[in-house]
Amino acid sequence: MGRSNRSRKRRDEMNKIKKDRYDAKELIRLKKTLGLLDADGKEIKMEIGEVADIKTSKEIKRAAKSKEQQELIYEHQESLEKGKPIAQVNEKTGVEHVYNSKTLKDQFGNYPAWFKKKKTAKRLRKKQHAQKKNFKQAWTTVNVPL
């Protein structure tokens, strides 16, 4: 057998009353944590700017964009730097490998045993992304008609 609508309506009414009571308590608790209420429970008049930093969506987007540009510039500068050669002898074969500190490749073009393929691919993708962002084609920057 199903429940009657009469009991459901009564339950909904009681839940509304309970929700109002809990909402009021929660609001007081939030105001206390923000420091908008003193020990006696009286409200302290404060500006919103004193409680929290207010930023518009444009400011947030600008900050994110500038941070991304700084990362790309850093990656591009890093890609222009040359690595230092580091010599290492393989204990099993006795062959000397000269690794580049930047690319981590040896003179044969191989990565060290501890360097994983996924990590290598991720590193290369980042490097290529930085190069694409800073790429300027000569004919578009030099010979642009007005």
C-alpha atoms as a PDB file:
ATOM      1  CA  MET A   1       0.000   0.000   0.000  1.00  0.00           C
ATOM      2  CA  GLY A   2       1.168   3.516  -0.767  1.00  0.00           C
ATOM      3  CA  ARG A   3       1.511   6.422   1.637  1.00  0.00           C
ATOM      4  CA  SER A   4      -1.233   8.994   1.758  1.00  0.00           C
ATOM      5  CA  ASN A   5      -0.700  12.497   0.424  1.00  0.00           C
ATOM      6  CA  ARG A   6      -2.015  13.946   3.672  1.00  0.00           C
ATOM      7  CA  SER A   7       0.902  12.566   5.721  1.00  0.00           C
ATOM      8  CA  ARG A   8       3.388  13.623   3.044  1.00  0.00           C
ATOM      9  CA  LYS A   9       2.094  17.226   3.116  1.00  0.00           C
ATOM     10  CA  ARG A  10       2.325  17.297   6.900  1.00  0.00           C
ATOM     11  CA  ARG A  11       5.887  15.955   6.778  1.00  0.00           C
ATOM     12  CA  ASP A  12       6.874  18.584   4.157  1.00  0.00           C
ATOM     13  CA  GLU A  13       5.456  21.375   6.327  1.00  0.00           C
ATOM     14  CA  MET A  14       7.403  20.165   9.359  1.00  0.00           C
ATOM     15  CA  ASN A  15      10.590  19.862   7.293  1.00  0.00           C
ATOM     16  CA  LYS A  16      10.178  23.472   6.075  1.00  0.00           C
ATOM     17  CA  ILE A  17       9.930  24.710   9.662  1.00  0.00           C
ATOM     18  CA  LYS A  18      12.972  22.667  10.684  1.00  0.00           C
ATOM     19  CA  LYS A  19      14.959  23.934   7.660  1.00  0.00           C
ATOM     20  CA  ASP A  20      14.217  27.570   8.536  1.00  0.00           C
ATOM     21  CA  ARG A  21      15.409  27.008  12.096  1.00  0.00           C
ATOM     22  CA  TYR A  22      18.649  25.310  10.962  1.00  0.00           C
ATOM     23  CA  ASP A  23      19.306  27.978   8.304  1.00  0.00           C
ATOM     24  CA  ALA A  24      19.145  30.715  10.949  1.00  0.00           C
ATOM     25  CA  LYS A  25      21.584  28.814  13.193  1.00  0.00           C
ATOM     26  CA  GLU A  26      23.955  28.176  10.285  1.00  0.00           C
ATOM     27  CA  LEU A  27      23.921  31.859   9.295  1.00  0.00           C
ATOM     28  CA  ILE A  28      24.891  32.859  12.840  1.00  0.00           C
ATOM     29  CA  ARG A  29      27.709  30.276  12.840  1.00  0.00           C
ATOM     30  CA  LEU A  30      29.015  31.568   9.488  1.00  0.00           C
ATOM     31  CA  LYS A  31      28.963  35.167  10.691  1.00  0.00           C
ATOM     32  CA  LYS A  32      30.936  34.159  13.800  1.00  0.00           C
ATOM     33  CA  THR A  33      33.614  32.456  11.706  1.00  0.00           C
ATOM     34  CA  LEU A  34      33.918  35.505   9.450  1.00  0.00           C
ATOM     35  CA  GLY A  35      34.147  37.805  12.471  1.00  0.00           C
ATOM     36  CA  LEU A  36      30.941  39.688  11.730  1.00  0.00           C
ATOM     37  CA  LEU A  37      29.524  38.914  15.203  1.00  0.00           C
ATOM     38  CA  ASP A  38      31.134  39.801  18.523  1.00  0.00           C
ATOM     39  CA  ALA A  39      31.076  37.662  21.718  1.00  0.00           C
ATOM     40  CA  ASP A  40      27.660  39.004  22.749  1.00  0.00           C
ATOM     41  CA  GLY A  41      26.110  38.043  19.408  1.00  0.00           C
ATOM     42  CA  LYS A  42      25.746  41.606  18.153  1.00  0.00           C
ATOM     43  CA  GLU A  43      26.542  42.333  14.540  1.00  0.00           C
ATOM     44  CA  ILE A  44      29.643  44.340  13.694  1.00  0.00           C
ATOM     45  CA  LYS A  45      29.172  46.592  10.673  1.00  0.00           C
ATOM     46  CA  MET A  46      31.976  45.906   8.191  1.00  0.00           C
ATOM     47  CA  GLU A  47      32.529  46.467   4.527  1.00  0.00           C
ATOM     48  CA  ILE A  48      32.669  43.361   2.361  1.00  0.00           C
ATOM     49  CA  GLY A  49      36.107  44.457   1.132  1.00  0.00           C
ATOM     50  CA  GLU A  50      37.462  44.136   4.685  1.00  0.00           C
ATOM     51  CA  VAL A  51      36.206  40.565   5.038  1.00  0.00           C
ATOM     52  CA  ALA A  52      37.101  39.153   1.613  1.00  0.00           C
ATOM     53  CA  ASP A  53      38.920  40.118  -1.574  1.00  0.00           C
ATOM     54  CA  ILE A  54      36.454  40.794  -4.346  1.00  0.00           C
ATOM     55  CA  LYS A  55      37.614  40.126  -7.899  1.00  0.00           C
ATOM     56  CA  THR A  56      35.713  40.352 -11.128  1.00  0.00           C
ATOM     57  CA  SER A  57      35.780  37.542 -13.649  1.00  0.00           C
ATOM     58  CA  LYS A  58      37.916  39.681 -15.972  1.00  0.00           C
ATOM     59  CA  GLU A  59      40.585  40.128 -13.291  1.00  0.00           C
ATOM     60  CA  ILE A  60      40.689  36.391 -12.605  1.00  0.00           C
ATOM     61  CA  LYS A  61      40.976  35.602 -16.330  1.00  0.00           C
ATOM     62  CA  ARG A  62      43.732  38.212 -16.765  1.00  0.00           C
ATOM     63  CA  ALA A  63      45.722  36.766 -13.871  1.00  0.00           C
ATOM     64  CA  ALA A  64      45.394  33.223 -15.233  1.00  0.00           C
ATOM     65  CA  LYS A  65      46.384  34.361 -18.732  1.00  0.00           C
ATOM     66  CA  SER A  66      49.442  36.262 -17.493  1.00  0.00           C
ATOM     67  CA  LYS A  67      50.524  33.259 -15.407  1.00  0.00           C
ATOM     68  CA  GLU A  68      50.192  30.989 -18.456  1.00  0.00           C
ATOM     69  CA  GLN A  69      52.200  33.427 -20.577  1.00  0.00           C
ATOM     70  CA  GLN A  70      54.968  33.549 -17.967  1.00  0.00           C
ATOM     71  CA  GLU A  71      55.134  29.744 -17.962  1.00  0.00           C
ATOM     72  CA  LEU A  72      55.396  29.685 -21.763  1.00  0.00           C
ATOM     73  CA  ILE A  73      58.138  32.326 -21.753  1.00  0.00           C
ATOM     74  CA  TYR A  74      60.044  30.333 -19.126  1.00  0.00           C
ATOM     75  CA  GLU A  75      59.683  27.122 -21.160  1.00  0.00           C
ATOM     76  CA  HIS A  76      60.838  28.920 -24.305  1.00  0.00           C
ATOM     77  CA  GLN A  77      63.900  30.331 -22.535  1.00  0.00           C
ATOM     78  CA  GLU A  78      64.611  26.913 -21.107  1.00  0.00           C
ATOM     79  CA  SER A  79      64.446  25.416 -24.602  1.00  0.00           C
ATOM     80  CA  LEU A  80      67.035  27.920 -25.867  1.00  0.00           C
ATOM     81  CA  GLU A  81      69.582  26.952 -23.187  1.00  0.00           C
ATOM     82  CA  LYS A  82      72.206  24.352 -24.003  1.00  0.00           C
ATOM     83  CA  GLY A  83      72.745  21.310 -21.778  1.00  0.00           C
ATOM     84  CA  LYS A  84      76.030  20.174 -20.217  1.00  0.00           C
ATOM     85  CA  PRO A  85      77.567  16.826 -21.184  1.00  0.00           C
ATOM     86  CA  ILE A  86      77.763  14.245 -18.388  1.00  0.00           C
ATOM     87  CA  ALA A  87      79.859  11.112 -18.934  1.00  0.00           C
ATOM     88  CA  GLN A  88      78.759   7.804 -17.436  1.00  0.00           C
ATOM     89  CA  VAL A  89      80.076   4.257 -17.902  1.00  0.00           C
ATOM     90  CA  ASN A  90      77.628   1.365 -18.191  1.00  0.00           C
ATOM     91  CA  GLU A  91      78.678  -1.280 -15.653  1.00  0.00           C
ATOM     92  CA  LYS A  92      77.327  -4.255 -17.638  1.00  0.00           C
ATOM     93  CA  THR A  93      78.688  -3.450 -21.106  1.00  0.00           C
ATOM     94  CA  GLY A  94      81.561  -1.125 -20.212  1.00  0.00           C
ATOM     95  CA  VAL A  95      80.469   1.416 -22.869  1.00  0.00           C
ATOM     96  CA  GLU A  96      80.838   5.101 -21.981  1.00  0.00           C
ATOM     97  CA  HIS A  97      77.687   7.165 -22.501  1.00  0.00           C
ATOM     98  CA  VAL A  98      77.843  10.961 -22.678  1.00  0.00           C
ATOM     99  CA  TYR A  99      74.448  12.334 -21.601  1.00  0.00           C
ATOM    100  CA  ASN A 100      73.200  15.855 -22.258  1.00  0.00           C
ATOM    101  CA  SER A 101      71.848  17.328 -18.993  1.00  0.00           C
ATOM    102  CA  LYS A 102      68.993  19.110 -20.783  1.00  0.00           C
ATOM    103  CA  THR A 103      67.689  16.518 -23.237  1.00  0.00           C
ATOM    104  CA  LEU A 104      68.893  13.526 -21.164  1.00  0.00           C
ATOM    105  CA  LYS A 105      69.897  11.744 -24.384  1.00  0.00           C
ATOM    106  CA  ASP A 106      73.285  10.127 -24.854  1.00  0.00           C
ATOM    107  CA  GLN A 107      75.476  10.318 -27.957  1.00  0.00           C
ATOM    108  CA  PHE A 108      73.485   7.435 -29.503  1.00  0.00           C
ATOM    109  CA  GLY A 109      70.167   9.258 -29.034  1.00  0.00           C
ATOM    110  CA  ASN A 110      68.899   6.979 -26.270  1.00  0.00           C
ATOM    111  CA  TYR A 111      67.452   7.933 -22.904  1.00  0.00           C
ATOM    112  CA  PRO A 112      68.787   6.454 -19.653  1.00  0.00           C
ATOM    113  CA  ALA A 113      67.194   3.260 -18.318  1.00  0.00           C
ATOM    114  CA  TRP A 114      65.414   5.043 -15.460  1.00  0.00           C
ATOM    115  CA  PHE A 115      63.722   7.562 -17.778  1.00  0.00           C
ATOM    116  CA  LYS A 116      60.179   6.421 -18.634  1.00  0.00           C
ATOM    117  CA  LYS A 117      58.511   6.729 -22.065  1.00  0.00           C
ATOM    118  CA  LYS A 118      55.361   8.467 -20.787  1.00  0.00           C
ATOM    119  CA  LYS A 119      57.412  11.065 -18.963  1.00  0.00           C
ATOM    120  CA  THR A 120      59.492  11.643 -22.085  1.00  0.00           C
ATOM    121  CA  ALA A 121      56.385  12.098 -24.245  1.00  0.00           C
ATOM    122  CA  LYS A 122      54.878  14.542 -21.738  1.00  0.00           C
ATOM    123  CA  ARG A 123      58.097  16.559 -21.672  1.00  0.00           C
ATOM    124  CA  LEU A 124      58.254  16.689 -25.484  1.00  0.00           C
ATOM    125  CA  ARG A 125      54.601  17.799 -25.726  1.00  0.00           C
ATOM    126  CA  LYS A 126      55.271  20.677 -23.323  1.00  0.00           C
ATOM    127  CA  LYS A 127      58.368  21.676 -25.289  1.00  0.00           C
ATOM    128  CA  GLN A 128      56.515  21.622 -28.621  1.00  0.00           C
ATOM    129  CA  HIS A 129      53.628  23.628 -27.163  1.00  0.00           C
ATOM    130  CA  ALA A 130      56.032  26.325 -25.972  1.00  0.00           C
ATOM    131  CA  GLN A 131      57.695  26.453 -29.394  1.00  0.00           C
ATOM    132  CA  LYS A 132      54.339  26.757 -31.218  1.00  0.00           C
ATOM    133  CA  LYS A 133      53.182  29.620 -28.980  1.00  0.00           C
ATOM    134  CA  ASN A 134      56.340  31.643 -29.663  1.00  0.00           C
ATOM    135  CA  PHE A 135      56.513  30.866 -33.396  1.00  0.00           C
ATOM    136  CA  LYS A 136      56.305  33.923 -35.660  1.00  0.00           C
ATOM    137  CA  GLN A 137      56.403  33.485 -39.405  1.00  0.00           C
ATOM    138  CA  ALA A 138      58.722  35.950 -41.134  1.00  0.00           C
ATOM    139  CA  TRP A 139      56.378  37.103 -43.910  1.00  0.00           C
ATOM    140  CA  THR A 140      53.556  37.913 -41.444  1.00  0.00           C
ATOM    141  CA  THR A 141      55.699  40.012 -39.109  1.00  0.00           C
ATOM    142  CA  VAL A 142      57.959  41.758 -41.613  1.00  0.00           C
ATOM    143  CA  ASN A 143      56.095  42.432 -44.875  1.00  0.00           C
ATOM    144  CA  VAL A 144      52.581  43.258 -43.748  1.00  0.00           C
ATOM    145  CA  PRO A 145      50.881  45.733 -46.102  1.00  0.00           C
ATOM    146  CA  LEU A 146      48.865  48.522 -44.495  1.00  0.00           C
END
